[in-house]
Amino acid sequence: MQITIEEMRRKEVINMPDGSCFGFADDVVIDTETRKVSAIIIRGKPRFFGIFGREEDVKIGWEEIETIGKDTILVQTKIKMTNFKENENIFQKFFNIFL
């Protein structure tokens, strides 16, 4: 099967062990010596509409990719995504200071 980078960018990346969604594959890392894709990159989510920067990017090695399907990329990794609700609580605390 062949797939373009543009097609990969439209696929959600799902972690199989816990079912968490990393987001969409934003980029790929290519090893120029072997001429093979070595990882996919998922850009970090913006913090507070981008004012406080972004979370760290997630780099998933090619060996951690289990399946590339029609709509999703299934991976098996130990990387944990930060929980949106945790970030929401931080923002609530931040705004409570000003209220």
PDB file of N, CA and C in Angstrom:
ATOM      1  N   MET A   1       0.850  -1.190   0.000  1.00  0.00           N
ATOM      2  CA  MET A   1       0.000   0.000   0.000  1.00  0.00           C
ATOM      3  C   MET A   1       0.883   1.236   0.000  1.00  0.00           C
ATOM      4  N   GLN A   2       0.492   2.221  -0.764  1.00  0.00           N
ATOM      5  CA  GLN A   2       1.192   3.497  -0.796  1.00  0.00           C
ATOM      6  C   GLN A   2       0.271   4.571  -0.257  1.00  0.00           C
ATOM      7  N   ILE A   3       0.858   5.540   0.442  1.00  0.00           N
ATOM      8  CA  ILE A   3       0.076   6.619   1.021  1.00  0.00           C
ATOM      9  C   ILE A   3       0.909   7.895   0.965  1.00  0.00           C
ATOM     10  N   THR A   4       0.258   8.996   0.686  1.00  0.00           N
ATOM     11  CA  THR A   4       0.970  10.274   0.648  1.00  0.00           C
ATOM     12  C   THR A   4       0.928  10.926   2.032  1.00  0.00           C
ATOM     13  N   ILE A   5       1.807  11.882   2.230  1.00  0.00           N
ATOM     14  CA  ILE A   5       1.817  12.621   3.504  1.00  0.00           C
ATOM     15  C   ILE A   5       0.488  13.347   3.679  1.00  0.00           C
ATOM     16  N   GLU A   6      -0.033  13.883   2.611  1.00  0.00           N
ATOM     17  CA  GLU A   6      -1.315  14.594   2.683  1.00  0.00           C
ATOM     18  C   GLU A   6      -2.439  13.662   3.144  1.00  0.00           C
ATOM     19  N   GLU A   7      -2.438  12.436   2.663  1.00  0.00           N
ATOM     20  CA  GLU A   7      -3.447  11.465   3.097  1.00  0.00           C
ATOM     21  C   GLU A   7      -3.261  11.107   4.570  1.00  0.00           C
ATOM     22  N   MET A   8      -2.008  11.011   5.022  1.00  0.00           N
ATOM     23  CA  MET A   8      -1.752  10.707   6.436  1.00  0.00           C
ATOM     24  C   MET A   8      -2.254  11.822   7.339  1.00  0.00           C
ATOM     25  N   ARG A   9      -2.171  13.053   6.876  1.00  0.00           N
ATOM     26  CA  ARG A   9      -2.591  14.205   7.684  1.00  0.00           C
ATOM     27  C   ARG A   9      -4.092  14.226   7.951  1.00  0.00           C
ATOM     28  N   ARG A  10      -4.850  13.468   7.196  1.00  0.00           N
ATOM     29  CA  ARG A  10      -6.302  13.402   7.385  1.00  0.00           C
ATOM     30  C   ARG A  10      -6.719  12.254   8.292  1.00  0.00           C
ATOM     31  N   LYS A  11      -5.767  11.519   8.828  1.00  0.00           N
ATOM     32  CA  LYS A  11      -6.078  10.347   9.648  1.00  0.00           C
ATOM     33  C   LYS A  11      -5.818  10.637  11.123  1.00  0.00           C
ATOM     34  N   GLU A  12      -6.775  10.209  11.974  1.00  0.00           N
ATOM     35  CA  GLU A  12      -6.601  10.343  13.412  1.00  0.00           C
ATOM     36  C   GLU A  12      -5.679   9.251  13.917  1.00  0.00           C
ATOM     37  N   VAL A  13      -4.829   9.596  14.883  1.00  0.00           N
ATOM     38  CA  VAL A  13      -3.904   8.630  15.467  1.00  0.00           C
ATOM     39  C   VAL A  13      -4.485   8.182  16.808  1.00  0.00           C
ATOM     40  N   ILE A  14      -4.774   6.884  16.913  1.00  0.00           N
ATOM     41  CA  ILE A  14      -5.393   6.303  18.106  1.00  0.00           C
ATOM     42  C   ILE A  14      -4.416   5.330  18.761  1.00  0.00           C
ATOM     43  N   ASN A  15      -4.256   5.465  20.092  1.00  0.00           N
ATOM     44  CA  ASN A  15      -3.408   4.557  20.844  1.00  0.00           C
ATOM     45  C   ASN A  15      -4.233   3.339  21.248  1.00  0.00           C
ATOM     46  N   MET A  16      -3.853   2.172  20.791  1.00  0.00           N
ATOM     47  CA  MET A  16      -4.636   0.953  21.014  1.00  0.00           C
ATOM     48  C   MET A  16      -4.763   0.546  22.485  1.00  0.00           C
ATOM     49  N   PRO A  17      -3.712   0.609  23.300  1.00  0.00           N
ATOM     50  CA  PRO A  17      -3.854   0.124  24.678  1.00  0.00           C
ATOM     51  C   PRO A  17      -4.927   0.834  25.503  1.00  0.00           C
ATOM     52  N   ASP A  18      -5.059   2.161  25.331  1.00  0.00           N
ATOM     53  CA  ASP A  18      -6.031   2.874  26.158  1.00  0.00           C
ATOM     54  C   ASP A  18      -7.113   3.591  25.351  1.00  0.00           C
ATOM     55  N   GLY A  19      -7.043   3.528  24.033  1.00  0.00           N
ATOM     56  CA  GLY A  19      -8.067   4.139  23.185  1.00  0.00           C
ATOM     57  C   GLY A  19      -7.980   5.646  23.086  1.00  0.00           C
ATOM     58  N   SER A  20      -6.907   6.246  23.609  1.00  0.00           N
ATOM     59  CA  SER A  20      -6.797   7.703  23.562  1.00  0.00           C
ATOM     60  C   SER A  20      -6.470   8.170  22.148  1.00  0.00           C
ATOM     61  N   CYS A  21      -6.926   9.362  21.841  1.00  0.00           N
ATOM     62  CA  CYS A  21      -6.709   9.958  20.531  1.00  0.00           C
ATOM     63  C   CYS A  21      -5.611  11.005  20.648  1.00  0.00           C
ATOM     64  N   PHE A  22      -4.568  10.850  19.858  1.00  0.00           N
ATOM     65  CA  PHE A  22      -3.469  11.807  19.866  1.00  0.00           C
ATOM     66  C   PHE A  22      -3.764  13.022  18.997  1.00  0.00           C
ATOM     67  N   GLY A  23      -4.684  12.908  18.087  1.00  0.00           N
ATOM     68  CA  GLY A  23      -4.940  13.970  17.119  1.00  0.00           C
ATOM     69  C   GLY A  23      -4.645  13.444  15.725  1.00  0.00           C
ATOM     70  N   PHE A  24      -4.252  14.331  14.841  1.00  0.00           N
ATOM     71  CA  PHE A  24      -3.981  13.953  13.464  1.00  0.00           C
ATOM     72  C   PHE A  24      -2.478  13.947  13.206  1.00  0.00           C
ATOM     73  N   ALA A  25      -2.038  13.059  12.329  1.00  0.00           N
ATOM     74  CA  ALA A  25      -0.627  13.000  11.949  1.00  0.00           C
ATOM     75  C   ALA A  25      -0.297  14.276  11.173  1.00  0.00           C
ATOM     76  N   ASP A  26       0.587  15.093  11.719  1.00  0.00           N
ATOM     77  CA  ASP A  26       0.903  16.376  11.089  1.00  0.00           C
ATOM     78  C   ASP A  26       2.116  16.328  10.171  1.00  0.00           C
ATOM     79  N   ASP A  27       3.041  15.445  10.473  1.00  0.00           N
ATOM     80  CA  ASP A  27       4.284  15.421   9.717  1.00  0.00           C
ATOM     81  C   ASP A  27       4.914  14.037   9.820  1.00  0.00           C
ATOM     82  N   VAL A  28       5.923  13.797   9.027  1.00  0.00           N
ATOM     83  CA  VAL A  28       6.674  12.549   9.099  1.00  0.00           C
ATOM     84  C   VAL A  28       8.159  12.875   9.218  1.00  0.00           C
ATOM     85  N   VAL A  29       8.907  11.937   9.795  1.00  0.00           N
ATOM     86  CA  VAL A  29      10.357  12.053   9.882  1.00  0.00           C
ATOM     87  C   VAL A  29      10.925  11.005   8.936  1.00  0.00           C
ATOM     88  N   ILE A  30      11.797  11.447   8.046  1.00  0.00           N
ATOM     89  CA  ILE A  30      12.390  10.545   7.065  1.00  0.00           C
ATOM     90  C   ILE A  30      13.881  10.418   7.341  1.00  0.00           C
ATOM     91  N   ASP A  31      14.345   9.188   7.441  1.00  0.00           N
ATOM     92  CA  ASP A  31      15.768   8.910   7.599  1.00  0.00           C
ATOM     93  C   ASP A  31      16.393   9.012   6.208  1.00  0.00           C
ATOM     94  N   THR A  32      17.250   9.998   6.010  1.00  0.00           N
ATOM     95  CA  THR A  32      17.803  10.227   4.670  1.00  0.00           C
ATOM     96  C   THR A  32      18.813   9.162   4.257  1.00  0.00           C
ATOM     97  N   GLU A  33      19.395   8.463   5.224  1.00  0.00           N
ATOM     98  CA  GLU A  33      20.353   7.411   4.873  1.00  0.00           C
ATOM     99  C   GLU A  33      19.646   6.159   4.362  1.00  0.00           C
ATOM    100  N   THR A  34      18.571   5.763   5.044  1.00  0.00           N
ATOM    101  CA  THR A  34      17.838   4.556   4.636  1.00  0.00           C
ATOM    102  C   THR A  34      16.705   4.877   3.667  1.00  0.00           C
ATOM    103  N   ARG A  35      16.376   6.156   3.542  1.00  0.00           N
ATOM    104  CA  ARG A  35      15.276   6.627   2.686  1.00  0.00           C
ATOM    105  C   ARG A  35      13.943   6.026   3.093  1.00  0.00           C
ATOM    106  N   LYS A  36      13.726   5.908   4.411  1.00  0.00           N
ATOM    107  CA  LYS A  36      12.484   5.356   4.943  1.00  0.00           C
ATOM    108  C   LYS A  36      11.906   6.291   5.988  1.00  0.00           C
ATOM    109  N   VAL A  37      10.602   6.208   6.154  1.00  0.00           N
ATOM    110  CA  VAL A  37       9.932   6.985   7.202  1.00  0.00           C
ATOM    111  C   VAL A  37      10.275   6.351   8.540  1.00  0.00           C
ATOM    112  N   SER A  38      10.758   7.161   9.484  1.00  0.00           N
ATOM    113  CA  SER A  38      11.151   6.614  10.789  1.00  0.00           C
ATOM    114  C   SER A  38      10.161   6.971  11.893  1.00  0.00           C
ATOM    115  N   ALA A  39       9.318   7.995  11.684  1.00  0.00           N
ATOM    116  CA  ALA A  39       8.364   8.385  12.728  1.00  0.00           C
ATOM    117  C   ALA A  39       7.299   9.295  12.138  1.00  0.00           C
ATOM    118  N   ILE A  40       6.202   9.436  12.877  1.00  0.00           N
ATOM    119  CA  ILE A  40       5.201  10.453  12.556  1.00  0.00           C
ATOM    120  C   ILE A  40       5.181  11.453  13.703  1.00  0.00           C
ATOM    121  N   ILE A  41       4.824  12.677  13.394  1.00  0.00           N
ATOM    122  CA  ILE A  41       4.778  13.752  14.384  1.00  0.00           C
ATOM    123  C   ILE A  41       3.344  14.234  14.513  1.00  0.00           C
ATOM    124  N   ILE A  42       2.898  14.387  15.764  1.00  0.00           N
ATOM    125  CA  ILE A  42       1.608  15.004  16.049  1.00  0.00           C
ATOM    126  C   ILE A  42       1.925  16.283  16.809  1.00  0.00           C
ATOM    127  N   ARG A  43       1.562  17.410  16.242  1.00  0.00           N
ATOM    128  CA  ARG A  43       1.857  18.700  16.869  1.00  0.00           C
ATOM    129  C   ARG A  43       1.096  18.831  18.177  1.00  0.00           C
ATOM    130  N   GLY A  44       1.735  19.478  19.146  1.00  0.00           N
ATOM    131  CA  GLY A  44       1.104  19.715  20.435  1.00  0.00           C
ATOM    132  C   GLY A  44      -0.090  20.641  20.310  1.00  0.00           C
ATOM    133  N   LYS A  45      -1.073  20.419  21.153  1.00  0.00           N
ATOM    134  CA  LYS A  45      -2.281  21.244  21.121  1.00  0.00           C
ATOM    135  C   LYS A  45      -1.980  22.634  21.675  1.00  0.00           C
ATOM    136  N   PRO A  46      -2.631  23.667  21.137  1.00  0.00           N
ATOM    137  CA  PRO A  46      -2.415  25.023  21.651  1.00  0.00           C
ATOM    138  C   PRO A  46      -2.905  25.149  23.094  1.00  0.00           C
ATOM    139  N   ARG A  47      -2.184  25.912  23.871  1.00  0.00           N
ATOM    140  CA  ARG A  47      -2.596  26.189  25.254  1.00  0.00           C
ATOM    141  C   ARG A  47      -3.297  27.539  25.275  1.00  0.00           C
ATOM    142  N   PHE A  48      -4.506  27.533  25.769  1.00  0.00           N
ATOM    143  CA  PHE A  48      -5.309  28.750  25.897  1.00  0.00           C
ATOM    144  C   PHE A  48      -5.273  29.577  24.613  1.00  0.00           C
ATOM    145  N   PHE A  49      -5.803  29.003  23.559  1.00  0.00           N
ATOM    146  CA  PHE A  49      -5.931  29.640  22.246  1.00  0.00           C
ATOM    147  C   PHE A  49      -4.574  30.035  21.660  1.00  0.00           C
ATOM    148  N   GLY A  50      -3.502  29.376  22.079  1.00  0.00           N
ATOM    149  CA  GLY A  50      -2.173  29.650  21.553  1.00  0.00           C
ATOM    150  C   GLY A  50      -1.428  30.757  22.277  1.00  0.00           C
ATOM    151  N   ILE A  51      -2.088  31.419  23.220  1.00  0.00           N
ATOM    152  CA  ILE A  51      -1.441  32.514  23.947  1.00  0.00           C
ATOM    153  C   ILE A  51      -0.279  31.988  24.788  1.00  0.00           C
ATOM    154  N   PHE A  52      -0.453  30.816  25.399  1.00  0.00           N
ATOM    155  CA  PHE A  52       0.579  30.232  26.244  1.00  0.00           C
ATOM    156  C   PHE A  52       1.397  29.184  25.500  1.00  0.00           C
ATOM    157  N   GLY A  53       1.463  29.298  24.190  1.00  0.00           N
ATOM    158  CA  GLY A  53       2.255  28.364  23.394  1.00  0.00           C
ATOM    159  C   GLY A  53       1.506  27.069  23.115  1.00  0.00           C
ATOM    160  N   ARG A  54       2.277  26.022  22.947  1.00  0.00           N
ATOM    161  CA  ARG A  54       1.717  24.710  22.623  1.00  0.00           C
ATOM    162  C   ARG A  54       2.271  23.670  23.591  1.00  0.00           C
ATOM    163  N   GLU A  55       1.524  22.560  23.681  1.00  0.00           N
ATOM    164  CA  GLU A  55       2.063  21.404  24.387  1.00  0.00           C
ATOM    165  C   GLU A  55       3.179  20.834  23.514  1.00  0.00           C
ATOM    166  N   GLU A  56       3.958  19.930  24.077  1.00  0.00           N
ATOM    167  CA  GLU A  56       5.045  19.335  23.314  1.00  0.00           C
ATOM    168  C   GLU A  56       4.509  18.469  22.180  1.00  0.00           C
ATOM    169  N   ASP A  57       5.265  18.435  21.079  1.00  0.00           N
ATOM    170  CA  ASP A  57       4.917  17.553  19.971  1.00  0.00           C
ATOM    171  C   ASP A  57       5.100  16.104  20.409  1.00  0.00           C
ATOM    172  N   VAL A  58       4.336  15.215  19.806  1.00  0.00           N
ATOM    173  CA  VAL A  58       4.450  13.787  20.087  1.00  0.00           C
ATOM    174  C   VAL A  58       5.081  13.133  18.864  1.00  0.00           C
ATOM    175  N   LYS A  59       6.152  12.391  19.103  1.00  0.00           N
ATOM    176  CA  LYS A  59       6.843  11.676  18.027  1.00  0.00           C
ATOM    177  C   LYS A  59       6.635  10.182  18.249  1.00  0.00           C
ATOM    178  N   ILE A  60       5.986   9.535  17.295  1.00  0.00           N
ATOM    179  CA  ILE A  60       5.699   8.104  17.389  1.00  0.00           C
ATOM    180  C   ILE A  60       6.522   7.381  16.343  1.00  0.00           C
ATOM    181  N   GLY A  61       7.369   6.462  16.808  1.00  0.00           N
ATOM    182  CA  GLY A  61       8.240   5.709  15.906  1.00  0.00           C
ATOM    183  C   GLY A  61       7.453   4.826  14.953  1.00  0.00           C
ATOM    184  N   TRP A  62       8.012   4.634  13.782  1.00  0.00           N
ATOM    185  CA  TRP A  62       7.340   3.832  12.754  1.00  0.00           C
ATOM    186  C   TRP A  62       7.067   2.417  13.250  1.00  0.00           C
ATOM    187  N   GLU A  63       7.959   1.891  14.092  1.00  0.00           N
ATOM    188  CA  GLU A  63       7.781   0.539  14.619  1.00  0.00           C
ATOM    189  C   GLU A  63       6.610   0.451  15.587  1.00  0.00           C
ATOM    190  N   GLU A  64       6.121   1.577  16.091  1.00  0.00           N
ATOM    191  CA  GLU A  64       4.973   1.588  17.001  1.00  0.00           C
ATOM    192  C   GLU A  64       3.635   1.645  16.265  1.00  0.00           C
ATOM    193  N   ILE A  65       3.674   1.853  14.964  1.00  0.00           N
ATOM    194  CA  ILE A  65       2.453   1.909  14.163  1.00  0.00           C
ATOM    195  C   ILE A  65       2.013   0.490  13.852  1.00  0.00           C
ATOM    196  N   GLU A  66       0.784   0.160  14.244  1.00  0.00           N
ATOM    197  CA  GLU A  66       0.236  -1.179  14.017  1.00  0.00           C
ATOM    198  C   GLU A  66      -0.466  -1.269  12.667  1.00  0.00           C
ATOM    199  N   THR A  67      -1.346  -0.298  12.399  1.00  0.00           N
ATOM    200  CA  THR A  67      -2.159  -0.351  11.189  1.00  0.00           C
ATOM    201  C   THR A  67      -2.458   1.065  10.701  1.00  0.00           C
ATOM    202  N   ILE A  68      -2.403   1.240   9.404  1.00  0.00           N
ATOM    203  CA  ILE A  68      -2.866   2.483   8.794  1.00  0.00           C
ATOM    204  C   ILE A  68      -4.127   2.141   8.035  1.00  0.00           C
ATOM    205  N   GLY A  69      -5.251   2.596   8.571  1.00  0.00           N
ATOM    206  CA  GLY A  69      -6.541   2.283   7.977  1.00  0.00           C
ATOM    207  C   GLY A  69      -7.063   3.413   7.115  1.00  0.00           C
ATOM    208  N   LYS A  70      -8.315   3.300   6.733  1.00  0.00           N
ATOM    209  CA  LYS A  70      -8.948   4.291   5.870  1.00  0.00           C
ATOM    210  C   LYS A  70      -9.052   5.650   6.570  1.00  0.00           C
ATOM    211  N   ASP A  71      -9.449   5.652   7.855  1.00  0.00           N
ATOM    212  CA  ASP A  71      -9.661   6.898   8.582  1.00  0.00           C
ATOM    213  C   ASP A  71      -8.725   7.100   9.767  1.00  0.00           C
ATOM    214  N   THR A  72      -8.064   6.030  10.207  1.00  0.00           N
ATOM    215  CA  THR A  72      -7.251   6.126  11.415  1.00  0.00           C
ATOM    216  C   THR A  72      -5.898   5.453  11.249  1.00  0.00           C
ATOM    217  N   ILE A  73      -4.995   5.858  12.124  1.00  0.00           N
ATOM    218  CA  ILE A  73      -3.702   5.194  12.260  1.00  0.00           C
ATOM    219  C   ILE A  73      -3.690   4.632  13.675  1.00  0.00           C
ATOM    220  N   LEU A  74      -3.625   3.313  13.791  1.00  0.00           N
ATOM    221  CA  LEU A  74      -3.607   2.668  15.104  1.00  0.00           C
ATOM    222  C   LEU A  74      -2.165   2.450  15.528  1.00  0.00           C
ATOM    223  N   VAL A  75      -1.848   2.933  16.737  1.00  0.00           N
ATOM    224  CA  VAL A  75      -0.489   2.793  17.254  1.00  0.00           C
ATOM    225  C   VAL A  75      -0.521   2.073  18.587  1.00  0.00           C
ATOM    226  N   GLN A  76       0.614   1.548  18.958  1.00  0.00           N
ATOM    227  CA  GLN A  76       0.743   0.915  20.261  1.00  0.00           C
ATOM    228  C   GLN A  76       1.989   1.520  20.904  1.00  0.00           C
ATOM    229  N   THR A  77       1.760   2.514  21.773  1.00  0.00           N
ATOM    230  CA  THR A  77       2.853   3.244  22.389  1.00  0.00           C
ATOM    231  C   THR A  77       2.578   3.458  23.868  1.00  0.00           C
ATOM    232  N   LYS A  78       3.632   3.721  24.615  1.00  0.00           N
ATOM    233  CA  LYS A  78       3.498   3.997  26.043  1.00  0.00           C
ATOM    234  C   LYS A  78       3.362   5.484  26.318  1.00  0.00           C
ATOM    235  N   ILE A  79       3.410   6.299  25.284  1.00  0.00           N
ATOM    236  CA  ILE A  79       3.265   7.748  25.438  1.00  0.00           C
ATOM    237  C   ILE A  79       1.854   8.052  25.907  1.00  0.00           C
ATOM    238  N   LYS A  80       1.732   8.907  26.891  1.00  0.00           N
ATOM    239  CA  LYS A  80       0.422   9.316  27.402  1.00  0.00           C
ATOM    240  C   LYS A  80       0.149  10.759  26.986  1.00  0.00           C
ATOM    241  N   MET A  81      -1.055  10.989  26.518  1.00  0.00           N
ATOM    242  CA  MET A  81      -1.476  12.353  26.191  1.00  0.00           C
ATOM    243  C   MET A  81      -1.985  13.023  27.446  1.00  0.00           C
ATOM    244  N   THR A  82      -1.778  14.347  27.530  1.00  0.00           N
ATOM    245  CA  THR A  82      -2.329  15.062  28.665  1.00  0.00           C
ATOM    246  C   THR A  82      -3.832  15.120  28.517  1.00  0.00           C
ATOM    247  N   ASN A  83      -4.508  15.032  29.614  1.00  0.00           N
ATOM    248  CA  ASN A  83      -5.960  15.017  29.615  1.00  0.00           C
ATOM    249  C   ASN A  83      -6.493  16.442  29.513  1.00  0.00           C
ATOM    250  N   PHE A  84      -7.404  16.700  28.582  1.00  0.00           N
ATOM    251  CA  PHE A  84      -7.966  18.029  28.396  1.00  0.00           C
ATOM    252  C   PHE A  84      -8.600  18.548  29.679  1.00  0.00           C
ATOM    253  N   LYS A  85      -9.251  17.682  30.442  1.00  0.00           N
ATOM    254  CA  LYS A  85      -9.897  18.115  31.674  1.00  0.00           C
ATOM    255  C   LYS A  85      -8.875  18.641  32.678  1.00  0.00           C
ATOM    256  N   GLU A  86      -7.669  18.057  32.711  1.00  0.00           N
ATOM    257  CA  GLU A  86      -6.631  18.572  33.592  1.00  0.00           C
ATOM    258  C   GLU A  86      -6.273  19.989  33.190  1.00  0.00           C
ATOM    259  N   ASN A  87      -6.113  20.234  31.875  1.00  0.00           N
ATOM    260  CA  ASN A  87      -5.810  21.573  31.402  1.00  0.00           C
ATOM    261  C   ASN A  87      -6.955  22.527  31.707  1.00  0.00           C
ATOM    262  N   GLU A  88      -8.187  22.044  31.581  1.00  0.00           N
ATOM    263  CA  GLU A  88      -9.351  22.869  31.863  1.00  0.00           C
ATOM    264  C   GLU A  88      -9.328  23.325  33.322  1.00  0.00           C
ATOM    265  N   ASN A  89      -8.971  22.447  34.241  1.00  0.00           N
ATOM    266  CA  ASN A  89      -8.899  22.813  35.651  1.00  0.00           C
ATOM    267  C   ASN A  89      -7.846  23.883  35.891  1.00  0.00           C
ATOM    268  N   ILE A  90      -6.733  23.813  35.188  1.00  0.00           N
ATOM    269  CA  ILE A  90      -5.693  24.829  35.308  1.00  0.00           C
ATOM    270  C   ILE A  90      -6.241  26.179  34.878  1.00  0.00           C
ATOM    271  N   PHE A  91      -6.990  26.205  33.760  1.00  0.00           N
ATOM    272  CA  PHE A  91      -7.556  27.459  33.274  1.00  0.00           C
ATOM    273  C   PHE A  91      -8.614  27.996  34.229  1.00  0.00           C
ATOM    274  N   GLN A  92      -9.414  27.105  34.801  1.00  0.00           N
ATOM    275  CA  GLN A  92     -10.420  27.544  35.769  1.00  0.00           C
ATOM    276  C   GLN A  92      -9.755  28.204  36.975  1.00  0.00           C
ATOM    277  N   LYS A  93      -8.689  27.608  37.472  1.00  0.00           N
ATOM    278  CA  LYS A  93      -7.946  28.193  38.591  1.00  0.00           C
ATOM    279  C   LYS A  93      -7.369  29.552  38.196  1.00  0.00           C
ATOM    280  N   PHE A  94      -6.845  29.635  36.990  1.00  0.00           N
ATOM    281  CA  PHE A  94      -6.269  30.885  36.497  1.00  0.00           C
ATOM    282  C   PHE A  94      -7.316  31.998  36.478  1.00  0.00           C
ATOM    283  N   PHE A  95      -8.518  31.691  35.942  1.00  0.00           N
ATOM    284  CA  PHE A  95      -9.551  32.707  35.847  1.00  0.00           C
ATOM    285  C   PHE A  95     -10.189  33.015  37.199  1.00  0.00           C
ATOM    286  N   ASN A  96     -10.211  32.053  38.109  1.00  0.00           N
ATOM    287  CA  ASN A  96     -10.769  32.298  39.437  1.00  0.00           C
ATOM    288  C   ASN A  96      -9.947  33.335  40.198  1.00  0.00           C
ATOM    289  N   ILE A  97      -8.683  33.468  39.865  1.00  0.00           N
ATOM    290  CA  ILE A  97      -7.832  34.483  40.504  1.00  0.00           C
ATOM    291  C   ILE A  97      -8.375  35.869  40.193  1.00  0.00           C
ATOM    292  N   PHE A  98      -8.865  36.050  38.973  1.00  0.00           N
ATOM    293  CA  PHE A  98      -9.321  37.358  38.527  1.00  0.00           C
ATOM    294  C   PHE A  98     -10.793  37.625  38.819  1.00  0.00           C
ATOM    295  N   LEU A  99     -11.533  36.633  39.277  1.00  0.00           N
ATOM    296  CA  LEU A  99     -12.965  36.819  39.541  1.00  0.00           C
ATOM    297  C   LEU A  99     -13.238  37.207  40.962  1.00  0.00           C
TER     298      LEU A  99
END
